Amino acid sequence: MKHYFILVLCMGMSLEIAAQHKEEAERAKLVALSQAGASPLYFYPADTVPLIAPGNFNNPAECTVRNGAPHFFQKVSSGKPVTIGFIGGSITQGNQCYRPQATRYIQAMYPSVTMKGINAGVSGTGTDLGACRLRDQLLQYHPDLVFVEFAVNGAYTDGMEGIVRQIRKYDPTIDICFIYTIHNEHTKIYLEGSIPENIQGLEKIADHYQLPSIHLGMEISVLVKEGKVEWKSDSTAIPGKIIFSRDGIHPITAGGNLYAAAIARGMNKLKQHTAISSTALPAPLIANNWEDAGMYAPQDIAAFSAGWSRVNTANSPQKQFTGWFPYIMKATQPGASFTFKFNGSMFGIFDIGGPEMGQLEVIVDGKPARLADAGVKGARQLKIVNATDPNGSNLINRFNNFCNNRYRGQYEFISLTPGIHTVTIRLSSEKVDKVKILGDKQLEDITRNPAKYDKTTVYIGKILLRGKPL
């Protein structure tokens, strides 16, 4: 029997978190550089992925059961087919970082049960965009168990609680498990008997909703100390050592096996707790959590002026984005605009970057908006500032140094005071200095193909809202 595993088509996106220290900026760069393309829609891990072993590592703090995943285990114990969902960043999106190995192990726990998986991992994104894309990229497939991985992609708690509350409101019988990936600095913290600060925030949410959680880096931290794991190396093999990653973030297969082994141990622990507790939704832990977030097909909620064309992504140079965007709205002439109205506190765009990208003007409630970084750690947000604010800009640039000779997913959020708002987004005639943005080390393609860059284009895939369209 073949077990079909469904992936949402994913391509990478940049993690450009404002007001973060140097190490976080370097991790963001590594994530962005890892975004090489979309994953295939279907894969068969039961046929191609070796079965990992849980191993003998034993730390009671590695997996906290809380209310466990009883609905899932009751279903598989009775032989019912199940769907396992994964949502997170590039470590979830990747085909060797943990997800196929962990799913293969869960299948082996119940070999007669038909299982399928959903990959809602999107490289370089955090819980802010995750809360928006949750229904579209995961919940519509009706998962029975959802693993949530965002620890190294901002660990933004407001978005994480929004994800939890959306899942619970959609179907309270969907079990949720937080999994915590790590970067290099975390190994020292685990060895000291503590947990990283960003994960502490996520654990508060897990505790509030009594969700199980698994620390994927505890065993790895011990192995690094013992000299048995090389955290980052370009070598193909090091005698007596397991090479975890090439870049210090994304596991290669051997590192992914260690992550998956932690999940295997966690699942073996969780299956011992099958009593179903109350599914009543408690009051929010964070008043301004993102349970009201969503994303919408552009023409469903917005009116487009002349100058826009609807492009079927499957038959376009942007076909790798079909899993996100069945169609995109394309404009090449400055002045082309679209307008929508909503009741809420935030709006944004989920678009495609590339060499030809231009800049956008934003008009909110009839007034041009000057925008500046909102300074929200772990999330990508702009805010409206005074027209004379030197830190602000009247334009949102959709080109950056990761758009060099390739297409890439990207997004932007703009926060507002809660209420009813009318928003117009217009393609500007003002061009940016792309040579300056690319810098001395990335000028080969723009030098050889200047016409490709000397354009003003935008591709809108989805409109993002916190609130409801009107």
Protein backbone atom coordinates (compact mmCIF):
# COMPACT_ATOMS: atom_id res chain seq x y z
CA MET A 1 0.00 0.00 0.00
CA LYS A 2 1.36 3.42 -0.91
CA HIS A 3 1.12 6.16 1.66
CA TYR A 4 0.69 9.52 0.03
CA PHE A 5 2.28 12.55 1.59
CA ILE A 6 0.98 15.92 0.39
CA LEU A 7 3.26 18.92 0.31
CA VAL A 8 2.24 22.50 -0.16
CA LEU A 9 4.59 23.90 -2.83
CA CYS A 10 7.12 26.01 -1.09
CA MET A 11 9.85 28.35 -2.04
CA GLY A 12 11.89 30.38 0.30
CA MET A 13 11.44 33.74 1.80
CA SER A 14 13.81 36.03 3.62
CA LEU A 15 13.91 36.38 7.41
CA GLU A 16 14.73 40.07 7.79
CA ILE A 17 13.79 40.75 11.40
CA ALA A 18 14.35 44.31 12.56
CA ALA A 19 16.16 45.24 15.78
CA GLN A 20 17.86 41.87 16.12
CA HIS A 21 21.46 41.30 17.14
CA LYS A 22 24.23 40.27 14.77
CA GLU A 23 23.81 36.51 15.20
CA GLU A 24 20.11 36.69 14.37
CA ALA A 25 20.88 38.73 11.24
CA GLU A 26 23.42 36.12 10.14
CA ARG A 27 20.89 33.33 10.63
CA ALA A 28 18.40 35.30 8.56
CA LYS A 29 20.95 35.56 5.77
CA LEU A 30 21.63 31.83 5.86
CA VAL A 31 17.92 31.07 5.66
CA ALA A 32 17.47 33.38 2.69
CA LEU A 33 20.43 31.89 0.87
CA SER A 34 19.03 28.38 1.35
CA GLN A 35 15.93 29.12 -0.68
CA ALA A 36 16.71 27.34 -3.91
CA GLY A 37 13.26 26.35 -5.14
CA ALA A 38 9.99 24.59 -4.61
CA SER A 39 9.61 21.08 -3.23
CA PRO A 40 7.81 18.41 -5.27
CA LEU A 41 4.12 18.10 -4.53
CA TYR A 42 4.14 14.37 -3.69
CA PHE A 43 6.74 12.13 -2.11
CA TYR A 44 6.79 8.60 -0.72
CA PRO A 45 8.89 8.46 2.44
CA ALA A 46 7.76 4.93 3.21
CA ASP A 47 9.64 3.86 0.07
CA THR A 48 12.66 6.17 0.14
CA VAL A 49 13.41 7.23 3.73
CA PRO A 50 15.36 4.86 6.01
CA LEU A 51 13.71 4.07 9.32
CA ILE A 52 15.50 5.91 12.13
CA ALA A 53 15.85 4.52 15.65
CA PRO A 54 14.74 6.50 18.73
CA GLY A 55 18.08 5.87 20.43
CA ASN A 56 18.79 5.66 24.14
CA PHE A 57 18.91 9.32 25.08
CA ASN A 58 16.85 9.88 28.21
CA ASN A 59 16.04 13.31 29.59
CA PRO A 60 12.54 13.70 31.09
CA ALA A 61 12.53 17.37 30.07
CA GLU A 62 12.97 16.55 26.37
CA CYS A 63 9.25 15.91 25.90
CA THR A 64 6.54 17.47 28.07
CA VAL A 65 3.30 15.54 27.62
CA ARG A 66 0.69 17.84 29.16
CA ASN A 67 -2.61 16.73 27.55
CA GLY A 68 -0.76 14.79 24.88
CA ALA A 69 -2.22 13.88 21.48
CA PRO A 70 -5.05 11.55 22.50
CA HIS A 71 -7.35 12.08 19.51
CA PHE A 72 -4.57 11.11 17.11
CA PHE A 73 -3.54 8.01 19.03
CA GLN A 74 -7.11 6.83 19.47
CA LYS A 75 -7.61 7.10 15.71
CA VAL A 76 -4.47 5.18 14.77
CA SER A 77 -5.09 2.58 17.47
CA SER A 78 -8.47 1.87 15.90
CA GLY A 79 -6.95 1.67 12.42
CA LYS A 80 -8.48 4.87 11.04
CA PRO A 81 -6.57 6.77 8.31
CA VAL A 82 -4.86 9.94 9.53
CA THR A 83 -3.21 13.05 8.15
CA ILE A 84 -0.14 14.57 9.81
CA GLY A 85 0.50 18.25 9.22
CA PHE A 86 3.77 20.16 9.57
CA ILE A 87 3.95 23.94 9.65
CA GLY A 88 7.15 25.93 10.13
CA GLY A 89 10.07 27.49 8.31
CA SER A 90 12.86 26.15 6.14
CA ILE A 91 13.74 23.35 8.56
CA THR A 92 10.24 21.98 8.10
CA GLN A 93 10.18 22.69 4.37
CA GLY A 94 13.44 20.83 3.75
CA ASN A 95 13.33 17.22 2.63
CA GLN A 96 16.10 15.99 4.94
CA CYS A 97 15.87 18.20 8.02
CA TYR A 98 13.52 15.98 10.10
CA ARG A 99 10.03 15.79 8.61
CA PRO A 100 10.25 12.74 6.27
CA GLN A 101 12.28 10.75 8.81
CA ALA A 102 9.86 11.53 11.66
CA THR A 103 6.82 10.71 9.56
CA ARG A 104 8.41 7.45 8.42
CA TYR A 105 8.88 6.49 12.07
CA ILE A 106 5.28 7.33 12.98
CA GLN A 107 4.11 5.20 10.05
CA ALA A 108 6.25 2.34 11.34
CA MET A 109 4.57 2.64 14.74
CA TYR A 110 1.27 1.82 13.02
CA PRO A 111 2.19 0.04 9.76
CA SER A 112 -1.37 -0.97 8.88
CA VAL A 113 -2.73 2.59 9.16
CA THR A 114 -2.96 4.71 6.02
CA MET A 115 -1.18 8.01 6.64
CA LYS A 116 -0.59 11.08 4.55
CA GLY A 117 1.34 14.21 5.39
CA ILE A 118 1.15 17.89 4.60
CA ASN A 119 4.22 20.09 4.38
CA ALA A 120 3.26 23.68 5.20
CA GLY A 121 6.87 24.66 5.79
CA VAL A 122 7.81 27.92 4.11
CA SER A 123 11.46 28.87 4.24
CA GLY A 124 12.44 32.03 6.06
CA THR A 125 9.02 32.79 7.55
CA GLY A 126 7.74 33.10 11.07
CA THR A 127 4.51 32.73 12.96
CA ASP A 128 3.19 36.04 11.59
CA LEU A 129 2.83 34.77 8.03
CA GLY A 130 2.19 31.28 9.42
CA ALA A 131 -0.96 32.50 11.15
CA CYS A 132 -2.15 34.02 7.87
CA ARG A 133 -1.51 30.99 5.68
CA LEU A 134 -2.64 28.34 8.18
CA ARG A 135 -6.13 27.73 6.80
CA ASP A 136 -5.11 27.88 3.15
CA GLN A 137 -2.01 25.71 3.37
CA LEU A 138 -2.86 23.31 6.19
CA LEU A 139 -6.31 23.27 7.75
CA GLN A 140 -8.18 22.72 4.50
CA TYR A 141 -6.54 19.29 4.36
CA HIS A 142 -8.10 18.36 7.74
CA PRO A 143 -5.01 17.15 9.62
CA ASP A 144 -5.37 14.96 12.69
CA LEU A 145 -2.03 15.96 14.24
CA VAL A 146 -0.07 19.16 13.61
CA PHE A 147 3.60 19.68 14.44
CA VAL A 148 4.48 23.38 14.74
CA GLU A 149 8.13 24.45 14.23
CA PHE A 150 9.08 28.13 14.47
CA ALA A 151 11.70 28.30 17.24
CA VAL A 152 14.54 29.59 15.03
CA ASN A 153 12.30 31.76 12.82
CA GLY A 154 11.54 34.53 15.29
CA ALA A 155 9.53 32.47 17.82
CA TYR A 156 6.97 35.31 17.74
CA THR A 157 4.54 34.36 20.49
CA ASP A 158 1.61 36.51 19.31
CA GLY A 159 1.57 34.65 16.00
CA MET A 160 2.08 31.28 17.66
CA GLU A 161 -0.94 31.70 19.90
CA GLY A 162 -2.91 32.78 16.86
CA ILE A 163 -1.97 29.52 15.13
CA VAL A 164 -3.09 27.47 18.14
CA ARG A 165 -6.39 29.28 18.52
CA GLN A 166 -7.20 29.03 14.83
CA ILE A 167 -6.59 25.28 14.86
CA ARG A 168 -8.69 24.80 17.98
CA LYS A 169 -11.55 26.88 16.58
CA TYR A 170 -11.42 25.01 13.27
CA ASP A 171 -11.56 21.60 14.94
CA PRO A 172 -10.84 21.06 18.65
CA THR A 173 -10.01 17.40 18.00
CA ILE A 174 -6.90 18.28 15.97
CA ASP A 175 -3.96 17.55 18.24
CA ILE A 176 -1.06 20.03 18.27
CA CYS A 177 2.58 19.43 19.22
CA PHE A 178 5.25 22.13 19.41
CA ILE A 179 8.73 21.10 18.29
CA TYR A 180 11.76 23.26 19.02
CA THR A 181 14.69 23.34 16.61
CA ILE A 182 17.89 25.12 17.61
CA HIS A 183 20.88 27.12 16.43
CA ASN A 184 24.39 26.86 17.77
CA GLU A 185 24.09 29.15 20.78
CA HIS A 186 21.26 26.99 22.13
CA THR A 187 23.51 24.00 22.79
CA LYS A 188 25.28 25.81 25.63
CA ILE A 189 21.97 26.84 27.19
CA TYR A 190 20.64 23.29 27.17
CA LEU A 191 23.87 22.00 28.72
CA GLU A 192 23.41 24.49 31.55
CA GLY A 193 20.05 22.87 32.33
CA SER A 194 18.00 25.74 30.96
CA ILE A 195 16.11 26.37 27.73
CA PRO A 196 16.62 29.24 25.28
CA GLU A 197 14.72 32.44 25.95
CA ASN A 198 12.77 32.35 22.70
CA ILE A 199 11.62 28.80 23.45
CA GLN A 200 10.60 29.85 26.96
CA GLY A 201 8.00 32.14 25.38
CA LEU A 202 6.63 29.31 23.26
CA GLU A 203 6.54 27.02 26.28
CA LYS A 204 4.24 29.48 28.06
CA ILE A 205 1.77 29.05 25.22
CA ALA A 206 2.15 25.27 25.25
CA ASP A 207 1.49 25.25 28.97
CA HIS A 208 -1.51 27.59 28.69
CA TYR A 209 -3.18 25.30 26.14
CA GLN A 210 -1.74 22.09 27.64
CA LEU A 211 -0.03 21.14 24.39
CA PRO A 212 2.82 18.63 24.23
CA SER A 213 6.22 19.95 23.24
CA ILE A 214 9.51 18.34 22.20
CA HIS A 215 12.98 19.89 22.44
CA LEU A 216 14.83 18.55 19.40
CA GLY A 217 18.22 19.86 20.47
CA MET A 218 18.82 18.34 23.90
CA GLU A 219 20.56 15.16 22.77
CA ILE A 220 22.46 17.08 20.10
CA SER A 221 23.80 19.48 22.74
CA VAL A 222 25.23 16.59 24.71
CA LEU A 223 26.74 15.02 21.59
CA VAL A 224 28.36 18.32 20.62
CA LYS A 225 29.95 18.57 24.08
CA GLU A 226 31.17 15.00 23.84
CA GLY A 227 32.77 15.70 20.47
CA LYS A 228 30.48 13.27 18.65
CA VAL A 229 28.67 15.88 16.54
CA GLU A 230 30.20 18.54 14.30
CA TRP A 231 27.62 21.30 14.27
CA LYS A 232 28.73 22.95 11.02
CA SER A 233 31.06 21.58 8.36
CA ASP A 234 31.54 21.46 4.61
CA SER A 235 33.29 18.10 4.88
CA THR A 236 31.60 15.02 3.46
CA ALA A 237 32.74 12.95 6.44
CA ILE A 238 34.66 13.40 9.68
CA PRO A 239 35.90 10.18 11.33
CA GLY A 240 34.04 9.45 14.56
CA LYS A 241 31.63 12.37 14.17
CA ILE A 242 28.15 13.07 12.88
CA ILE A 243 28.01 16.20 10.71
CA PHE A 244 24.87 18.09 11.68
CA SER A 245 24.69 20.86 9.07
CA ARG A 246 26.49 22.87 6.41
CA ASP A 247 25.33 26.30 7.56
CA GLY A 248 24.70 26.02 11.30
CA ILE A 249 20.90 25.96 10.91
CA HIS A 250 19.58 23.47 8.38
CA PRO A 251 20.37 19.82 9.17
CA ILE A 252 21.69 17.56 6.49
CA THR A 253 20.29 14.01 6.57
CA ALA A 254 22.39 12.84 9.54
CA GLY A 255 21.43 15.92 11.56
CA GLY A 256 17.82 15.55 10.55
CA ASN A 257 17.92 11.97 11.80
CA LEU A 258 18.89 13.28 15.25
CA TYR A 259 15.98 15.72 15.19
CA ALA A 260 13.64 12.94 14.07
CA ALA A 261 14.89 10.63 16.82
CA ALA A 262 13.80 13.19 19.40
CA ILE A 263 10.34 13.25 17.83
CA ALA A 264 10.29 9.43 17.83
CA ARG A 265 11.06 9.38 21.55
CA GLY A 266 8.40 12.02 22.11
CA MET A 267 5.77 10.08 20.18
CA ASN A 268 6.54 6.93 22.16
CA LYS A 269 6.03 8.94 25.33
CA LEU A 270 2.84 10.59 24.11
CA LYS A 271 1.20 7.33 23.07
CA GLN A 272 1.11 6.31 26.74
CA HIS A 273 -1.38 9.12 27.43
CA THR A 274 -4.60 8.60 25.51
CA ALA A 275 -7.17 10.04 27.91
CA ILE A 276 -9.04 12.91 26.25
CA SER A 277 -9.25 16.06 28.35
CA SER A 278 -11.57 19.01 27.86
CA THR A 279 -11.28 20.70 24.48
CA ALA A 280 -12.74 23.96 25.78
CA LEU A 281 -10.76 26.94 24.48
CA PRO A 282 -9.31 28.99 27.34
CA ALA A 283 -9.13 32.77 27.32
CA PRO A 284 -6.20 34.11 25.28
CA LEU A 285 -2.84 34.38 26.96
CA ILE A 286 -1.93 37.31 24.68
CA ALA A 287 -4.73 39.79 24.09
CA ASN A 288 -3.45 40.81 20.65
CA ASN A 289 -2.68 37.33 19.35
CA TRP A 290 -3.08 36.56 15.63
CA GLU A 291 -6.18 34.37 15.71
CA ASP A 292 -7.83 36.90 13.37
CA ALA A 293 -5.15 36.49 10.66
CA GLY A 294 -5.83 35.20 7.17
CA MET A 295 -4.85 35.51 3.54
CA TYR A 296 -7.09 36.08 0.56
CA ALA A 297 -6.98 35.69 -3.20
CA PRO A 298 -6.50 39.22 -4.57
CA GLN A 299 -9.59 39.43 -6.77
CA ASP A 300 -11.79 38.04 -3.98
CA ILE A 301 -11.47 41.17 -1.87
CA ALA A 302 -9.87 43.92 -3.97
CA ALA A 303 -10.80 46.03 -7.00
CA PHE A 304 -8.00 46.42 -9.56
CA SER A 305 -7.51 49.41 -11.83
CA ALA A 306 -6.47 49.30 -15.47
CA GLY A 307 -2.89 48.12 -15.89
CA TRP A 308 -3.23 44.80 -14.07
CA SER A 309 -3.33 41.36 -15.62
CA ARG A 310 -4.26 38.07 -14.02
CA VAL A 311 -1.52 35.49 -14.63
CA ASN A 312 -2.02 31.75 -14.21
CA THR A 313 1.15 30.80 -12.34
CA ALA A 314 1.18 27.24 -13.67
CA ASN A 315 1.85 28.62 -17.15
CA SER A 316 4.23 31.41 -16.21
CA PRO A 317 7.90 31.99 -15.33
CA GLN A 318 6.65 31.98 -11.72
CA LYS A 319 5.23 28.45 -11.95
CA GLN A 320 7.19 27.30 -8.88
CA PHE A 321 4.74 29.39 -6.82
CA THR A 322 1.60 27.58 -7.99
CA GLY A 323 1.23 25.86 -4.62
CA TRP A 324 0.94 29.25 -2.95
CA PHE A 325 -0.70 31.28 -5.68
CA PRO A 326 -2.98 29.69 -8.30
CA TYR A 327 -2.79 33.10 -9.94
CA ILE A 328 -0.95 36.35 -9.43
CA MET A 329 -1.92 39.90 -10.28
CA LYS A 330 0.81 41.51 -12.38
CA ALA A 331 1.40 45.22 -13.05
CA THR A 332 4.19 46.83 -15.05
CA GLN A 333 2.88 50.36 -15.56
CA PRO A 334 3.35 52.93 -12.77
CA GLY A 335 0.03 54.17 -11.47
CA ALA A 336 -1.69 50.79 -11.57
CA SER A 337 -3.44 50.29 -8.23
CA PHE A 338 -5.79 48.06 -6.29
CA THR A 339 -8.13 48.95 -3.41
CA PHE A 340 -9.77 46.94 -0.64
CA LYS A 341 -11.68 47.67 2.54
CA PHE A 342 -11.45 45.76 5.80
CA ASN A 343 -12.25 45.90 9.49
CA GLY A 344 -9.14 45.12 11.48
CA SER A 345 -5.71 46.17 12.65
CA MET A 346 -3.22 45.05 9.99
CA PHE A 347 -2.90 44.38 6.28
CA GLY A 348 -0.15 43.14 4.05
CA ILE A 349 0.90 41.49 0.82
CA PHE A 350 2.35 38.08 0.03
CA ASP A 351 4.13 38.65 -3.27
CA ILE A 352 6.97 37.51 -5.50
CA GLY A 353 10.32 39.27 -5.64
CA GLY A 354 12.68 39.21 -8.60
CA PRO A 355 15.05 41.26 -10.76
CA GLU A 356 12.29 43.42 -12.27
CA MET A 357 10.61 44.44 -9.02
CA GLY A 358 9.57 48.03 -8.37
CA GLN A 359 8.23 50.01 -5.43
CA LEU A 360 4.76 50.51 -3.99
CA GLU A 361 2.92 53.49 -2.58
CA VAL A 362 0.34 52.94 0.15
CA ILE A 363 -2.72 55.12 0.73
CA VAL A 364 -4.73 54.45 3.89
CA ASP A 365 -8.13 56.08 4.33
CA GLY A 366 -7.34 58.57 1.60
CA LYS A 367 -3.96 59.67 2.95
CA PRO A 368 -0.49 58.68 1.67
CA ALA A 369 1.22 56.55 4.30
CA ARG A 370 4.81 57.10 5.41
CA LEU A 371 6.09 53.83 6.79
CA ALA A 372 8.85 52.75 9.15
CA ASP A 373 9.89 49.53 10.81
CA ALA A 374 7.61 48.82 13.77
CA GLY A 375 10.46 47.21 15.73
CA VAL A 376 8.52 44.07 16.63
CA LYS A 377 11.01 41.33 17.46
CA GLY A 378 10.42 38.12 15.57
CA ALA A 379 7.90 39.57 13.12
CA ARG A 380 7.97 41.63 9.94
CA GLN A 381 5.89 44.77 10.50
CA LEU A 382 5.80 48.36 9.33
CA LYS A 383 3.87 51.17 10.97
CA ILE A 384 2.60 54.55 9.80
CA VAL A 385 4.72 57.45 11.06
CA ASN A 386 4.68 61.22 10.82
CA ALA A 387 5.22 62.63 7.34
CA THR A 388 8.49 64.22 8.47
CA ASP A 389 9.89 61.16 10.27
CA PRO A 390 13.45 60.69 8.90
CA ASN A 391 13.27 56.94 9.53
CA GLY A 392 10.21 56.56 7.36
CA SER A 393 9.68 56.07 3.65
CA ASN A 394 6.78 56.81 1.33
CA LEU A 395 7.57 53.68 -0.67
CA ILE A 396 7.80 49.95 -0.03
CA ASN A 397 10.66 48.54 -2.08
CA ARG A 398 9.99 45.04 -3.43
CA PHE A 399 13.57 44.50 -4.61
CA ASN A 400 16.46 43.48 -2.36
CA ASN A 401 19.76 41.66 -2.66
CA PHE A 402 18.08 38.25 -2.46
CA CYS A 403 16.24 39.04 -5.75
CA ASN A 404 19.46 38.77 -7.74
CA ASN A 405 18.70 36.74 -10.87
CA ARG A 406 15.90 34.71 -9.30
CA TYR A 407 12.33 34.80 -8.06
CA ARG A 408 11.53 34.49 -4.39
CA GLY A 409 8.56 34.71 -2.07
CA GLN A 410 8.32 37.70 0.25
CA TYR A 411 5.79 39.49 2.39
CA GLU A 412 5.09 42.71 4.23
CA PHE A 413 2.71 43.73 7.03
CA ILE A 414 1.50 47.25 7.91
CA SER A 415 -0.11 47.80 11.31
CA LEU A 416 -2.99 50.25 11.86
CA THR A 417 -5.25 51.34 14.66
CA PRO A 418 -8.14 48.85 14.87
CA GLY A 419 -11.18 49.82 12.84
CA ILE A 420 -12.59 50.06 9.33
CA HIS A 421 -10.00 51.07 6.75
CA THR A 422 -9.80 51.57 3.00
CA VAL A 423 -6.40 50.74 1.54
CA THR A 424 -5.02 51.51 -1.89
CA ILE A 425 -1.68 50.12 -3.06
CA ARG A 426 -0.18 51.70 -6.17
CA LEU A 427 2.85 50.90 -8.31
CA SER A 428 5.30 53.81 -8.13
CA SER A 429 7.27 55.29 -11.00
CA GLU A 430 10.26 55.87 -8.72
CA LYS A 431 13.05 53.34 -9.22
CA VAL A 432 15.58 52.15 -6.67
CA ASP A 433 19.32 51.89 -7.17
CA LYS A 434 19.53 48.13 -7.68
CA VAL A 435 23.28 48.18 -8.28
CA LYS A 436 23.77 49.74 -4.86
CA ILE A 437 21.45 47.21 -3.24
CA LEU A 438 23.24 44.25 -4.79
CA GLY A 439 26.68 45.48 -3.78
CA ASP A 440 30.03 44.73 -5.32
CA LYS A 441 29.78 40.94 -5.02
CA GLN A 442 26.49 40.47 -6.90
CA LEU A 443 26.84 42.67 -9.98
CA GLU A 444 27.58 40.05 -12.64
CA ASP A 445 24.00 39.41 -13.76
CA ILE A 446 22.79 43.01 -13.61
CA THR A 447 25.90 44.11 -15.52
CA ARG A 448 25.33 41.53 -18.26
CA ASN A 449 21.54 41.94 -18.37
CA PRO A 450 20.67 45.50 -17.33
CA ALA A 451 17.33 45.51 -19.16
CA LYS A 452 16.08 42.67 -16.98
CA TYR A 453 16.48 44.86 -13.89
CA ASP A 454 15.50 48.21 -15.39
CA LYS A 455 11.78 47.60 -14.94
CA THR A 456 9.01 48.45 -12.51
CA THR A 457 6.93 45.34 -11.91
CA VAL A 458 4.96 43.79 -9.07
CA TYR A 459 3.39 40.34 -8.63
CA ILE A 460 0.69 40.14 -5.94
CA GLY A 461 -0.10 36.60 -4.80
CA LYS A 462 -2.26 37.10 -1.72
CA ILE A 463 -3.59 39.93 0.41
CA LEU A 464 -2.92 39.46 4.12
CA LEU A 465 -5.30 40.70 6.81
CA ARG A 466 -5.70 40.76 10.51
CA GLY A 467 -9.42 41.28 10.54
CA LYS A 468 -12.11 40.70 7.96
CA PRO A 469 -12.55 42.05 4.42
CA LEU A 470 -15.59 44.22 3.77
